[in-house]
Every structure is written in C-alpha cells, then in structure tokens.
N, C-alpha and C. Protein backbone atom coordinates (compact mmCIF):
# COMPACT_ATOMS: atom_id res chain seq x y z
N MET A 1 80.24 205.83 81.75
CA MET A 1 78.76 205.86 81.73
C MET A 1 78.26 205.26 80.43
N THR A 2 77.29 204.37 80.50
CA THR A 2 76.75 203.76 79.29
C THR A 2 75.94 204.76 78.48
N THR A 3 76.01 204.58 77.16
CA THR A 3 75.22 205.44 76.26
C THR A 3 74.09 204.67 75.62
N ASP A 4 73.96 203.37 76.00
CA ASP A 4 72.86 202.58 75.44
C ASP A 4 71.53 203.08 75.99
N THR A 5 70.53 203.14 75.12
CA THR A 5 69.21 203.60 75.54
C THR A 5 68.21 202.47 75.42
N GLU A 6 67.17 202.52 76.24
CA GLU A 6 66.07 201.58 76.18
C GLU A 6 64.77 202.36 76.11
N MET A 7 63.72 201.68 75.60
CA MET A 7 62.41 202.30 75.54
C MET A 7 61.63 201.97 76.80
N TYR A 8 60.99 202.99 77.36
CA TYR A 8 60.14 202.84 78.53
C TYR A 8 58.82 203.56 78.27
N ALA A 9 57.84 203.27 79.10
CA ALA A 9 56.56 203.98 79.05
C ALA A 9 56.19 204.39 80.47
N LEU A 10 55.58 205.55 80.58
CA LEU A 10 55.12 206.08 81.87
C LEU A 10 53.69 206.54 81.76
N SER A 11 52.87 206.22 82.75
CA SER A 11 51.58 206.89 82.89
C SER A 11 51.65 207.76 84.12
N ILE A 12 51.16 208.99 83.99
CA ILE A 12 51.23 209.96 85.07
C ILE A 12 49.84 210.57 85.26
N ILE A 13 49.34 210.49 86.48
CA ILE A 13 48.07 211.15 86.82
C ILE A 13 48.41 212.45 87.55
N THR A 14 47.84 213.54 87.06
CA THR A 14 48.18 214.85 87.63
C THR A 14 46.91 215.66 87.87
N GLU A 15 47.08 216.75 88.59
CA GLU A 15 46.00 217.73 88.69
C GLU A 15 45.72 218.32 87.31
N ASN A 16 44.47 218.64 87.05
CA ASN A 16 44.07 219.20 85.76
C ASN A 16 44.18 220.72 85.81
N ARG A 17 45.38 221.20 85.50
CA ARG A 17 45.58 222.65 85.52
C ARG A 17 46.70 223.02 84.55
N ALA A 18 46.78 224.30 84.22
CA ALA A 18 47.77 224.78 83.26
C ALA A 18 49.19 224.60 83.81
N GLY A 19 50.12 224.25 82.92
CA GLY A 19 51.52 224.15 83.28
C GLY A 19 51.99 222.78 83.68
N VAL A 20 51.06 221.81 83.82
CA VAL A 20 51.45 220.48 84.27
C VAL A 20 52.37 219.80 83.26
N LEU A 21 51.97 219.85 81.98
CA LEU A 21 52.78 219.20 80.95
C LEU A 21 54.18 219.80 80.90
N ARG A 22 54.28 221.12 81.06
CA ARG A 22 55.59 221.78 81.09
C ARG A 22 56.44 221.26 82.24
N ASP A 23 55.83 221.14 83.44
CA ASP A 23 56.57 220.72 84.62
C ASP A 23 57.09 219.28 84.46
N VAL A 24 56.23 218.41 83.94
CA VAL A 24 56.62 217.01 83.75
C VAL A 24 57.70 216.90 82.68
N ALA A 25 57.51 217.60 81.56
CA ALA A 25 58.49 217.54 80.47
C ALA A 25 59.84 218.10 80.90
N THR A 26 59.84 219.09 81.77
CA THR A 26 61.10 219.66 82.26
C THR A 26 61.90 218.63 83.04
N VAL A 27 61.23 217.87 83.90
CA VAL A 27 61.92 216.82 84.66
C VAL A 27 62.48 215.76 83.71
N MET A 28 61.69 215.37 82.71
CA MET A 28 62.17 214.35 81.77
C MET A 28 63.35 214.87 80.96
N ALA A 29 63.32 216.14 80.60
CA ALA A 29 64.45 216.72 79.86
C ALA A 29 65.71 216.74 80.71
N ASP A 30 65.55 216.96 82.03
CA ASP A 30 66.71 216.97 82.92
C ASP A 30 67.43 215.62 82.91
N TYR A 31 66.69 214.55 82.65
CA TYR A 31 67.27 213.21 82.59
C TYR A 31 67.58 212.79 81.15
N ARG A 32 67.50 213.73 80.24
CA ARG A 32 67.75 213.48 78.82
C ARG A 32 66.88 212.36 78.27
N ALA A 33 65.66 212.28 78.77
CA ALA A 33 64.69 211.31 78.24
C ALA A 33 64.18 211.82 76.90
N ASN A 34 64.37 211.02 75.87
CA ASN A 34 63.97 211.39 74.51
C ASN A 34 62.54 210.91 74.27
N ILE A 35 61.57 211.81 74.37
CA ILE A 35 60.15 211.43 74.27
C ILE A 35 59.82 211.05 72.83
N GLN A 36 59.27 209.84 72.67
CA GLN A 36 58.88 209.34 71.35
C GLN A 36 57.38 209.47 71.08
N MET A 37 56.59 209.42 72.13
CA MET A 37 55.14 209.52 71.97
C MET A 37 54.53 210.09 73.24
N ILE A 38 53.49 210.88 73.10
CA ILE A 38 52.76 211.40 74.26
C ILE A 38 51.27 211.42 73.95
N GLN A 39 50.47 211.02 74.93
CA GLN A 39 49.02 211.12 74.86
C GLN A 39 48.53 211.80 76.14
N GLN A 40 47.51 212.60 76.01
CA GLN A 40 46.98 213.31 77.18
C GLN A 40 45.46 213.29 77.13
N SER A 41 44.83 213.02 78.26
CA SER A 41 43.37 213.01 78.33
C SER A 41 42.94 213.35 79.75
N ILE A 42 41.64 213.56 79.90
CA ILE A 42 41.05 213.81 81.22
C ILE A 42 40.30 212.56 81.65
N LEU A 43 40.56 212.06 82.84
CA LEU A 43 39.90 210.85 83.33
C LEU A 43 38.43 211.14 83.63
N THR A 44 37.55 210.26 83.16
CA THR A 44 36.11 210.47 83.32
C THR A 44 35.45 209.45 84.23
N SER A 45 36.24 208.56 84.82
CA SER A 45 35.67 207.57 85.75
C SER A 45 36.72 207.17 86.77
N GLY A 46 36.28 206.50 87.83
CA GLY A 46 37.19 206.02 88.85
C GLY A 46 37.51 207.08 89.89
N PRO A 47 38.41 206.75 90.81
CA PRO A 47 38.70 207.66 91.93
C PRO A 47 39.42 208.94 91.50
N ASN A 48 40.01 208.94 90.31
CA ASN A 48 40.73 210.13 89.84
C ASN A 48 39.96 210.90 88.78
N THR A 49 38.64 210.77 88.78
CA THR A 49 37.81 211.49 87.81
C THR A 49 38.10 212.99 87.84
N GLY A 50 38.29 213.55 86.65
CA GLY A 50 38.56 214.97 86.54
C GLY A 50 40.04 215.32 86.51
N LYS A 51 40.89 214.37 86.88
CA LYS A 51 42.32 214.63 86.82
C LYS A 51 42.85 214.33 85.41
N ALA A 52 44.06 214.81 85.13
CA ALA A 52 44.68 214.62 83.82
C ALA A 52 45.48 213.32 83.80
N TYR A 53 45.47 212.67 82.64
CA TYR A 53 46.23 211.44 82.44
C TYR A 53 47.24 211.67 81.32
N LEU A 54 48.51 211.49 81.63
CA LEU A 54 49.58 211.65 80.64
C LEU A 54 50.23 210.30 80.40
N TYR A 55 50.47 209.98 79.13
CA TYR A 55 51.16 208.73 78.79
C TYR A 55 52.35 209.09 77.89
N PHE A 56 53.55 208.65 78.29
CA PHE A 56 54.76 208.91 77.53
C PHE A 56 55.42 207.60 77.14
N GLU A 57 56.00 207.55 75.96
CA GLU A 57 56.98 206.53 75.61
C GLU A 57 58.26 207.28 75.27
N PHE A 58 59.39 206.81 75.82
CA PHE A 58 60.62 207.58 75.70
C PHE A 58 61.85 206.68 75.75
N GLU A 59 62.94 207.19 75.20
CA GLU A 59 64.25 206.55 75.31
C GLU A 59 65.00 207.17 76.47
N GLU A 60 65.71 206.31 77.21
CA GLU A 60 66.41 206.81 78.39
C GLU A 60 67.57 205.88 78.70
N CYS A 61 68.61 206.40 79.34
CA CYS A 61 69.87 205.66 79.51
C CYS A 61 69.96 204.82 80.77
N GLY A 62 68.88 204.61 81.47
CA GLY A 62 68.93 203.70 82.61
C GLY A 62 68.73 204.34 83.97
N ASN A 63 68.40 205.62 84.02
CA ASN A 63 68.15 206.28 85.30
C ASN A 63 66.65 206.40 85.59
N HIS A 64 65.86 205.46 85.06
CA HIS A 64 64.41 205.65 85.17
C HIS A 64 63.92 205.58 86.61
N GLY A 65 64.66 204.89 87.49
CA GLY A 65 64.25 204.87 88.89
C GLY A 65 64.29 206.26 89.51
N LYS A 66 65.38 206.98 89.29
CA LYS A 66 65.50 208.35 89.80
C LYS A 66 64.52 209.28 89.09
N LEU A 67 64.31 209.03 87.79
CA LEU A 67 63.36 209.86 87.03
C LEU A 67 61.97 209.76 87.62
N ILE A 68 61.53 208.55 87.93
CA ILE A 68 60.20 208.35 88.50
C ILE A 68 60.10 209.04 89.86
N ALA A 69 61.15 208.93 90.66
CA ALA A 69 61.13 209.57 91.98
C ALA A 69 61.00 211.09 91.86
N ASP A 70 61.72 211.68 90.91
CA ASP A 70 61.65 213.13 90.74
C ASP A 70 60.31 213.56 90.15
N LEU A 71 59.74 212.75 89.25
CA LEU A 71 58.42 213.06 88.73
C LEU A 71 57.38 213.03 89.84
N ALA A 72 57.49 212.05 90.73
CA ALA A 72 56.53 211.93 91.82
C ALA A 72 56.59 213.13 92.77
N ARG A 73 57.73 213.85 92.77
CA ARG A 73 57.87 215.01 93.65
C ARG A 73 57.32 216.30 93.04
N VAL A 74 56.93 216.25 91.77
CA VAL A 74 56.30 217.43 91.16
C VAL A 74 54.98 217.68 91.89
N PRO A 75 54.72 218.90 92.38
CA PRO A 75 53.55 219.16 93.25
C PRO A 75 52.22 218.74 92.65
N SER A 76 52.04 218.84 91.35
CA SER A 76 50.74 218.52 90.75
C SER A 76 50.57 217.04 90.41
N VAL A 77 51.64 216.25 90.56
CA VAL A 77 51.59 214.83 90.18
C VAL A 77 50.97 214.00 91.30
N VAL A 78 50.00 213.16 90.94
CA VAL A 78 49.30 212.29 91.90
C VAL A 78 49.89 210.89 91.91
N ASP A 79 50.23 210.38 90.71
CA ASP A 79 50.71 208.99 90.62
C ASP A 79 51.58 208.85 89.38
N VAL A 80 52.63 208.01 89.49
CA VAL A 80 53.51 207.70 88.36
C VAL A 80 53.68 206.19 88.30
N THR A 81 53.47 205.60 87.12
CA THR A 81 53.63 204.16 86.94
C THR A 81 54.43 203.90 85.67
N ILE A 82 55.38 202.97 85.73
CA ILE A 82 56.19 202.64 84.57
C ILE A 82 55.71 201.33 83.97
N TYR A 83 55.75 201.24 82.63
CA TYR A 83 55.29 200.06 81.90
C TYR A 83 56.26 199.74 80.77
N PRO A 84 56.16 198.53 80.21
CA PRO A 84 56.81 198.30 78.91
C PRO A 84 56.07 199.11 77.85
N PRO A 85 56.76 199.59 76.82
CA PRO A 85 56.08 200.36 75.78
C PRO A 85 55.12 199.49 74.97
N PHE A 86 54.17 200.14 74.29
CA PHE A 86 53.19 199.42 73.49
C PHE A 86 53.85 198.56 72.41
N SER A 87 55.00 199.01 71.91
CA SER A 87 55.67 198.24 70.85
C SER A 87 56.05 196.85 71.32
N ARG A 88 56.32 196.69 72.63
CA ARG A 88 56.65 195.37 73.16
C ARG A 88 55.41 194.54 73.47
N ILE A 89 54.28 195.20 73.63
CA ILE A 89 53.06 194.49 74.02
C ILE A 89 52.20 194.16 72.80
N PHE A 90 51.89 195.18 72.00
CA PHE A 90 51.03 194.99 70.84
C PHE A 90 51.79 194.98 69.52
N GLY A 91 53.00 195.48 69.49
CA GLY A 91 53.83 195.41 68.30
C GLY A 91 53.29 196.20 67.13
N SER A 92 53.53 195.67 65.91
CA SER A 92 53.07 196.32 64.68
C SER A 92 51.57 196.16 64.54
N ARG A 93 50.93 197.18 63.94
CA ARG A 93 49.47 197.15 63.79
C ARG A 93 49.09 197.04 62.32
N VAL A 94 48.21 196.09 62.04
CA VAL A 94 47.56 195.98 60.73
C VAL A 94 46.20 196.65 60.84
N ILE A 95 45.94 197.65 60.01
CA ILE A 95 44.69 198.40 60.06
C ILE A 95 43.81 197.99 58.89
N ILE A 96 42.56 197.63 59.18
CA ILE A 96 41.62 197.20 58.13
C ILE A 96 40.40 198.11 58.18
N ILE A 97 40.10 198.75 57.05
CA ILE A 97 39.00 199.71 56.97
C ILE A 97 38.13 199.36 55.77
N GLY A 98 36.82 199.45 55.94
CA GLY A 98 35.92 199.21 54.80
C GLY A 98 34.57 198.71 55.23
N GLY A 99 33.91 197.94 54.36
CA GLY A 99 32.58 197.41 54.63
C GLY A 99 32.63 196.23 55.57
N GLY A 100 31.57 196.05 56.35
CA GLY A 100 31.56 195.07 57.42
C GLY A 100 31.91 193.66 57.00
N ALA A 101 31.24 193.14 55.94
CA ALA A 101 31.47 191.76 55.53
C ALA A 101 32.90 191.55 55.04
N GLN A 102 33.39 192.50 54.23
CA GLN A 102 34.75 192.38 53.70
C GLN A 102 35.79 192.54 54.81
N VAL A 103 35.55 193.49 55.71
CA VAL A 103 36.46 193.70 56.83
C VAL A 103 36.57 192.42 57.66
N ALA A 104 35.45 191.76 57.90
CA ALA A 104 35.45 190.55 58.71
C ALA A 104 36.28 189.45 58.06
N GLN A 105 36.19 189.34 56.73
CA GLN A 105 36.95 188.30 56.04
C GLN A 105 38.44 188.61 56.02
N VAL A 106 38.79 189.87 55.79
CA VAL A 106 40.21 190.26 55.84
C VAL A 106 40.76 190.03 57.25
N ALA A 107 39.98 190.40 58.25
CA ALA A 107 40.42 190.21 59.64
C ALA A 107 40.63 188.74 59.96
N MET A 108 39.78 187.88 59.40
CA MET A 108 39.95 186.45 59.63
C MET A 108 41.31 185.97 59.14
N GLY A 109 41.67 186.39 57.93
CA GLY A 109 42.98 185.99 57.41
C GLY A 109 44.12 186.60 58.21
N ALA A 110 43.95 187.89 58.58
CA ALA A 110 45.02 188.58 59.30
C ALA A 110 45.23 188.00 60.69
N VAL A 111 44.15 187.75 61.41
CA VAL A 111 44.27 187.24 62.78
C VAL A 111 44.86 185.83 62.78
N ASN A 112 44.41 184.98 61.85
CA ASN A 112 44.96 183.63 61.78
C ASN A 112 46.45 183.65 61.46
N GLU A 113 46.84 184.53 60.53
CA GLU A 113 48.26 184.61 60.18
C GLU A 113 49.08 185.23 61.31
N ALA A 114 48.52 186.27 61.96
CA ALA A 114 49.23 186.88 63.08
C ALA A 114 49.44 185.88 64.21
N ASP A 115 48.45 185.04 64.45
CA ASP A 115 48.59 184.02 65.49
C ASP A 115 49.77 183.10 65.20
N ARG A 116 49.93 182.75 63.94
CA ARG A 116 51.05 181.87 63.55
C ARG A 116 52.39 182.53 63.85
N HIS A 117 52.50 183.82 63.58
CA HIS A 117 53.77 184.52 63.82
C HIS A 117 53.97 184.86 65.30
N ASN A 118 52.87 185.21 65.98
CA ASN A 118 53.02 185.61 67.39
C ASN A 118 53.38 184.43 68.27
N ILE A 119 52.97 183.24 67.89
CA ILE A 119 53.38 182.05 68.64
C ILE A 119 54.90 181.92 68.64
N ARG A 120 55.52 182.43 67.57
CA ARG A 120 56.98 182.35 67.45
C ARG A 120 57.68 183.57 68.05
N GLY A 121 56.93 184.39 68.77
CA GLY A 121 57.57 185.47 69.50
C GLY A 121 57.35 186.86 68.96
N GLU A 122 56.64 187.00 67.83
CA GLU A 122 56.37 188.33 67.31
C GLU A 122 55.16 188.94 68.03
N ARG A 123 54.95 190.23 67.79
CA ARG A 123 53.81 190.94 68.36
C ARG A 123 53.14 191.72 67.22
N ILE A 124 52.13 191.13 66.62
CA ILE A 124 51.39 191.77 65.53
C ILE A 124 49.93 191.84 65.93
N SER A 125 49.35 193.03 65.93
CA SER A 125 47.95 193.20 66.31
C SER A 125 47.15 193.67 65.10
N VAL A 126 45.85 193.41 65.15
CA VAL A 126 44.96 193.70 64.03
C VAL A 126 43.84 194.62 64.51
N ASP A 127 43.67 195.77 63.86
CA ASP A 127 42.62 196.74 64.20
C ASP A 127 41.66 196.87 63.02
N THR A 128 40.37 196.85 63.30
CA THR A 128 39.37 196.95 62.23
C THR A 128 38.34 198.03 62.55
N ILE A 129 37.79 198.62 61.47
CA ILE A 129 36.64 199.52 61.64
C ILE A 129 35.80 199.48 60.36
N PRO A 130 34.57 198.94 60.43
CA PRO A 130 33.67 198.97 59.27
C PRO A 130 33.01 200.34 59.16
N LEU A 131 33.07 200.93 57.96
CA LEU A 131 32.52 202.26 57.73
C LEU A 131 31.81 202.32 56.39
N VAL A 132 30.89 203.27 56.27
CA VAL A 132 30.24 203.53 54.99
C VAL A 132 30.32 205.02 54.71
N GLY A 133 30.35 205.37 53.42
CA GLY A 133 30.37 206.78 53.04
C GLY A 133 31.76 207.26 52.69
N GLU A 134 31.88 207.95 51.55
CA GLU A 134 33.19 208.39 51.08
C GLU A 134 33.90 209.27 52.09
N GLN A 135 33.20 210.23 52.69
CA GLN A 135 33.85 211.15 53.61
C GLN A 135 34.34 210.43 54.86
N ASN A 136 33.50 209.54 55.41
CA ASN A 136 33.92 208.78 56.59
C ASN A 136 35.14 207.93 56.30
N LEU A 137 35.13 207.27 55.14
CA LEU A 137 36.26 206.42 54.77
C LEU A 137 37.53 207.25 54.58
N ALA A 138 37.40 208.39 53.91
CA ALA A 138 38.58 209.23 53.66
C ALA A 138 39.18 209.74 54.96
N LEU A 139 38.34 210.16 55.89
CA LEU A 139 38.84 210.64 57.18
C LEU A 139 39.56 209.52 57.94
N ALA A 140 38.99 208.32 57.89
CA ALA A 140 39.61 207.19 58.59
C ALA A 140 40.94 206.81 57.96
N VAL A 141 40.99 206.81 56.63
CA VAL A 141 42.24 206.48 55.95
C VAL A 141 43.32 207.51 56.28
N ASP A 142 42.97 208.78 56.22
CA ASP A 142 43.93 209.84 56.56
C ASP A 142 44.45 209.68 57.98
N ALA A 143 43.59 209.24 58.89
CA ALA A 143 43.99 209.11 60.29
C ALA A 143 44.98 207.99 60.53
N VAL A 144 45.07 207.03 59.60
CA VAL A 144 45.99 205.90 59.78
C VAL A 144 47.43 206.39 59.93
N ALA A 145 47.79 207.43 59.18
CA ALA A 145 49.16 207.95 59.25
C ALA A 145 49.47 208.53 60.63
N ARG A 146 48.44 208.83 61.43
CA ARG A 146 48.66 209.39 62.76
C ARG A 146 48.57 208.34 63.86
N LEU A 147 48.26 207.11 63.51
CA LEU A 147 48.13 206.05 64.52
C LEU A 147 49.52 205.52 64.91
N PRO A 148 49.80 205.42 66.19
CA PRO A 148 51.08 204.84 66.60
C PRO A 148 51.20 203.39 66.14
N ARG A 149 52.35 203.02 65.62
CA ARG A 149 52.72 201.66 65.24
C ARG A 149 51.93 201.12 64.05
N ALA A 150 51.13 201.94 63.36
CA ALA A 150 50.42 201.47 62.17
C ALA A 150 51.45 201.11 61.11
N SER A 151 51.41 199.87 60.62
CA SER A 151 52.45 199.38 59.70
C SER A 151 51.93 199.12 58.30
N ILE A 152 50.64 198.86 58.15
CA ILE A 152 50.07 198.59 56.84
C ILE A 152 48.56 198.80 56.92
N LEU A 153 47.96 199.21 55.80
CA LEU A 153 46.51 199.44 55.73
C LEU A 153 45.91 198.54 54.67
N VAL A 154 44.80 197.90 55.01
CA VAL A 154 44.03 197.12 54.03
C VAL A 154 42.67 197.78 53.86
N LEU A 155 42.32 198.09 52.62
CA LEU A 155 41.01 198.66 52.31
C LEU A 155 40.12 197.56 51.76
N ALA A 156 39.05 197.27 52.50
CA ALA A 156 38.18 196.14 52.19
C ALA A 156 36.78 196.65 51.90
N GLY A 157 36.41 196.67 50.63
CA GLY A 157 35.09 197.16 50.28
C GLY A 157 34.74 196.78 48.86
N SER A 158 33.54 197.19 48.41
CA SER A 158 33.08 196.92 47.05
C SER A 158 33.23 198.11 46.13
N LEU A 159 33.26 199.33 46.72
CA LEU A 159 33.35 200.55 45.92
C LEU A 159 34.05 201.64 46.73
N MET A 160 35.21 202.07 46.27
CA MET A 160 35.93 203.17 46.92
C MET A 160 36.65 203.98 45.85
N GLY A 161 36.57 205.28 45.99
CA GLY A 161 37.25 206.16 45.05
C GLY A 161 37.18 207.59 45.52
N GLY A 162 37.41 208.53 44.62
CA GLY A 162 37.30 209.94 44.94
C GLY A 162 38.25 210.36 46.03
N GLU A 163 37.72 210.93 47.10
CA GLU A 163 38.55 211.44 48.19
C GLU A 163 39.28 210.32 48.92
N VAL A 164 38.70 209.12 48.89
CA VAL A 164 39.39 207.97 49.52
C VAL A 164 40.69 207.68 48.79
N SER A 165 40.68 207.76 47.46
CA SER A 165 41.90 207.53 46.68
C SER A 165 42.96 208.57 47.00
N ARG A 166 42.54 209.81 47.17
CA ARG A 166 43.51 210.85 47.52
C ARG A 166 44.07 210.63 48.91
N ALA A 167 43.24 210.14 49.83
CA ALA A 167 43.72 209.82 51.18
C ALA A 167 44.72 208.67 51.13
N VAL A 168 44.48 207.70 50.27
CA VAL A 168 45.41 206.57 50.11
C VAL A 168 46.79 207.08 49.70
N GLU A 169 46.82 208.02 48.76
CA GLU A 169 48.10 208.58 48.33
C GLU A 169 48.83 209.26 49.49
N ARG A 170 48.08 209.94 50.34
CA ARG A 170 48.71 210.62 51.48
C ARG A 170 49.26 209.61 52.48
N VAL A 171 48.53 208.52 52.70
CA VAL A 171 49.01 207.48 53.63
C VAL A 171 50.27 206.82 53.08
N ARG A 172 50.27 206.54 51.79
CA ARG A 172 51.47 205.94 51.18
C ARG A 172 52.65 206.89 51.25
N ALA A 173 52.40 208.18 51.08
CA ALA A 173 53.47 209.17 51.17
C ALA A 173 54.07 209.22 52.57
N ALA A 174 53.27 208.84 53.57
CA ALA A 174 53.75 208.79 54.95
C ALA A 174 54.54 207.52 55.24
N GLY A 175 54.65 206.63 54.24
CA GLY A 175 55.45 205.42 54.40
C GLY A 175 54.68 204.19 54.80
N ILE A 176 53.34 204.24 54.75
CA ILE A 176 52.51 203.09 55.12
C ILE A 176 51.96 202.46 53.84
N PRO A 177 52.31 201.21 53.55
CA PRO A 177 51.80 200.57 52.33
C PRO A 177 50.31 200.27 52.45
N VAL A 178 49.64 200.18 51.28
CA VAL A 178 48.20 199.98 51.23
C VAL A 178 47.87 198.80 50.33
N ILE A 179 47.10 197.86 50.87
CA ILE A 179 46.54 196.76 50.09
C ILE A 179 45.05 197.04 49.90
N ALA A 180 44.54 196.86 48.69
CA ALA A 180 43.11 197.03 48.42
C ALA A 180 42.54 195.74 47.88
N LEU A 181 41.31 195.43 48.28
CA LEU A 181 40.61 194.35 47.62
C LEU A 181 40.27 194.77 46.19
N LYS A 182 40.07 193.79 45.33
CA LYS A 182 39.62 194.10 43.98
C LYS A 182 38.18 194.62 44.08
N MET A 183 37.95 195.85 43.63
CA MET A 183 36.66 196.49 43.82
C MET A 183 36.41 197.51 42.73
N ALA A 184 35.18 198.01 42.67
CA ALA A 184 34.86 199.12 41.77
C ALA A 184 35.41 200.41 42.35
N GLY A 185 35.67 201.38 41.49
CA GLY A 185 36.21 202.65 41.94
C GLY A 185 37.70 202.75 41.67
N SER A 186 38.28 203.89 42.01
CA SER A 186 39.67 204.19 41.65
C SER A 186 40.69 203.76 42.70
N VAL A 187 40.26 203.34 43.88
CA VAL A 187 41.20 203.00 44.94
C VAL A 187 42.21 201.91 44.52
N PRO A 188 41.78 200.83 43.85
CA PRO A 188 42.77 199.81 43.48
C PRO A 188 43.94 200.35 42.65
N SER A 189 43.69 201.34 41.82
CA SER A 189 44.77 201.88 41.00
C SER A 189 45.73 202.75 41.81
N HIS A 190 45.38 203.08 43.04
CA HIS A 190 46.25 203.88 43.91
C HIS A 190 46.93 203.04 44.99
N ALA A 191 46.52 201.80 45.14
CA ALA A 191 47.08 200.95 46.19
C ALA A 191 48.40 200.32 45.75
N ASP A 192 49.16 199.84 46.70
CA ASP A 192 50.42 199.15 46.39
C ASP A 192 50.16 197.76 45.83
N LEU A 193 49.08 197.14 46.29
CA LEU A 193 48.79 195.76 45.90
C LEU A 193 47.28 195.56 45.89
N VAL A 194 46.77 194.82 44.90
CA VAL A 194 45.35 194.51 44.80
C VAL A 194 45.18 193.00 44.95
N VAL A 195 44.29 192.59 45.85
CA VAL A 195 44.09 191.17 46.13
C VAL A 195 42.60 190.85 46.02
N THR A 196 42.27 189.80 45.30
CA THR A 196 40.87 189.44 45.08
C THR A 196 40.26 188.77 46.31
N ASP A 197 40.98 187.84 46.90
CA ASP A 197 40.47 187.08 48.05
C ASP A 197 40.71 187.86 49.34
N PRO A 198 39.66 188.23 50.08
CA PRO A 198 39.86 189.03 51.30
C PRO A 198 40.68 188.31 52.36
N ILE A 199 40.51 187.00 52.49
CA ILE A 199 41.30 186.27 53.49
C ILE A 199 42.78 186.34 53.12
N GLN A 200 43.09 186.18 51.84
CA GLN A 200 44.48 186.27 51.40
C GLN A 200 45.04 187.67 51.61
N ALA A 201 44.20 188.70 51.44
CA ALA A 201 44.65 190.07 51.67
C ALA A 201 45.12 190.25 53.11
N GLY A 202 44.37 189.68 54.05
CA GLY A 202 44.78 189.75 55.45
C GLY A 202 46.08 189.01 55.71
N VAL A 203 46.23 187.87 55.06
CA VAL A 203 47.47 187.09 55.21
C VAL A 203 48.66 187.87 54.67
N PHE A 204 48.48 188.44 53.47
CA PHE A 204 49.57 189.23 52.87
C PHE A 204 49.98 190.39 53.79
N ALA A 205 48.99 191.08 54.37
CA ALA A 205 49.28 192.23 55.21
C ALA A 205 50.15 191.84 56.40
N VAL A 206 49.80 190.75 57.06
CA VAL A 206 50.58 190.29 58.22
C VAL A 206 51.96 189.81 57.80
N MET A 207 52.02 189.10 56.68
CA MET A 207 53.32 188.61 56.21
C MET A 207 54.26 189.77 55.90
N HIS A 208 53.71 190.88 55.41
CA HIS A 208 54.57 192.02 55.09
C HIS A 208 55.17 192.63 56.34
N VAL A 209 54.39 192.77 57.42
CA VAL A 209 54.90 193.43 58.63
C VAL A 209 55.70 192.48 59.51
N SER A 210 55.60 191.19 59.25
CA SER A 210 56.32 190.22 60.06
C SER A 210 57.82 190.33 59.84
N GLY A 211 58.57 190.15 60.90
CA GLY A 211 60.01 190.12 60.79
C GLY A 211 60.55 188.76 60.41
N LYS A 212 59.68 187.74 60.38
CA LYS A 212 60.12 186.39 60.09
C LYS A 212 59.64 185.88 58.74
N ALA A 213 58.64 186.53 58.13
CA ALA A 213 58.12 186.08 56.84
C ALA A 213 59.01 186.57 55.71
N VAL A 214 58.87 185.97 54.53
CA VAL A 214 59.70 186.34 53.39
C VAL A 214 58.96 187.21 52.39
N PHE A 215 57.67 187.49 52.64
CA PHE A 215 56.89 188.31 51.73
C PHE A 215 57.23 189.78 51.91
N ASP A 216 57.47 190.49 50.80
CA ASP A 216 57.76 191.91 50.83
C ASP A 216 56.91 192.59 49.77
N ILE A 217 55.99 193.46 50.22
CA ILE A 217 55.07 194.10 49.29
C ILE A 217 55.81 194.95 48.25
N ASN A 218 57.00 195.40 48.59
CA ASN A 218 57.76 196.23 47.65
C ASN A 218 58.18 195.45 46.41
N ARG A 219 58.26 194.13 46.54
CA ARG A 219 58.69 193.31 45.40
C ARG A 219 57.54 192.96 44.46
N VAL A 220 56.31 193.21 44.90
CA VAL A 220 55.14 192.90 44.04
C VAL A 220 54.26 194.13 43.87
N ARG A 221 54.81 195.30 44.17
CA ARG A 221 54.02 196.54 44.08
C ARG A 221 53.44 196.71 42.68
N GLY A 222 52.13 197.08 42.66
CA GLY A 222 51.45 197.31 41.40
C GLY A 222 50.80 196.09 40.79
N ARG A 223 50.99 194.93 41.40
CA ARG A 223 50.43 193.69 40.85
C ARG A 223 49.07 193.38 41.44
N GLU A 224 48.38 192.46 40.83
CA GLU A 224 47.05 192.03 41.28
C GLU A 224 47.06 190.52 41.43
N PHE A 225 46.52 190.05 42.55
CA PHE A 225 46.47 188.61 42.82
C PHE A 225 45.03 188.16 43.03
C-alpha cells in the first residue's frame, strides 16, 4: 500500500443542525484524512439557502473516491464536491494594507511582478485592503497571521505606529515577514524591510515569495531602500 499523500479539497453542503461537523469529521478520520484547513458558514442565497457549507483541505493516501461516497451517505449531507486545493489555484498570497493611494501603487508593482512569475507556472495572488485609523489597521494586521496561505505583508501608508507596530511584531512572530513603506511613525522600525518606492515594495514582496526569484528578505533584513 502506498504511503504517499496528496492534497485535496472538499466542499460539503449539509443540513444546518448540531452534530454535522462531528459526523463528517468521523468519516474523514476513518480514511486517515489529515485535515489541514476547515471553513464553515451558512448559505444565504441560492437553492440551498439556510443549509451549512463546509470546506476542507486535507492530505489523503488516494482513497478519495471511496471517501466521497461514504460522506455522501451521511444522513445530513446534501452534496459533496471535490476540488484542487487553494494552494494549487491561488498559491501564495501577498497582503497589502494601508492607505488607498499607497496601496494602489504597491499593488501595481506586486501584480505586474506576479504576472511575470505566474506566466512561468507559479501561483502568486495579491490581496489589498485600504484602511484608515490605528485600531482598524492593527486589527487587520493581526488578522494576517490567520489568513490561509498569507506569505508576506506590505504596510503602505504615510503614518503608522502604536498598536499597529505591536501587531507587526505579532505577525512577524508568526513567521510572516513585513515590508513597510518609508513613513512617519514607528512601524518602519519594526518591519523586516523599509522601501521608499511603493511600486518597488510590491515587486520585492512578490520576489520574496516566488520560488523562482533570487531575492530573499532574510538577507537584507533591517535595511532601507
């Protein structure tokens, strides 16, 4: 019997009632499916409005056909669909947070650079959110560590400090490097790298997460460009 594992993804629509997640997880455990990620929500539109939606990404040894059949036999399950995992579709994520104008410029550099790498077979996606206010920014920065596939954070703004700087330290402690634009406030002194040109900051971010580029933020940590 082979011991090689592959990553799969499943979406499962079920009745919205207690015990469903237990029943589904029990079947997956019976097949020794190693769950890597799970999301759960209630559908608010379409023919299955009001039902529960479960999304799993998991490692499994090749019995996924039988696994799907057994999941479909769970009494509360309405539908089971298998997909490639998000890592194969969207790949690594570059997260850009800050003021609208600066975010747009960083995104321009990141998207252009990602396009260059993705043409060669990589999967790098770029996520942006323009925000104002220290508390809003700090909450968003803290949330980056909880985002699936988040690989690097770029902070794009004119003034960031206080609680945002403390959130940066927590994100870095979670293993996600942080690039900051040159700005007022204490955030630049807490970031791994400070970049003056926002377009270049986006390029650097993508080059760091790329498997084909030679740029490594660890080799220039603490420097300013």
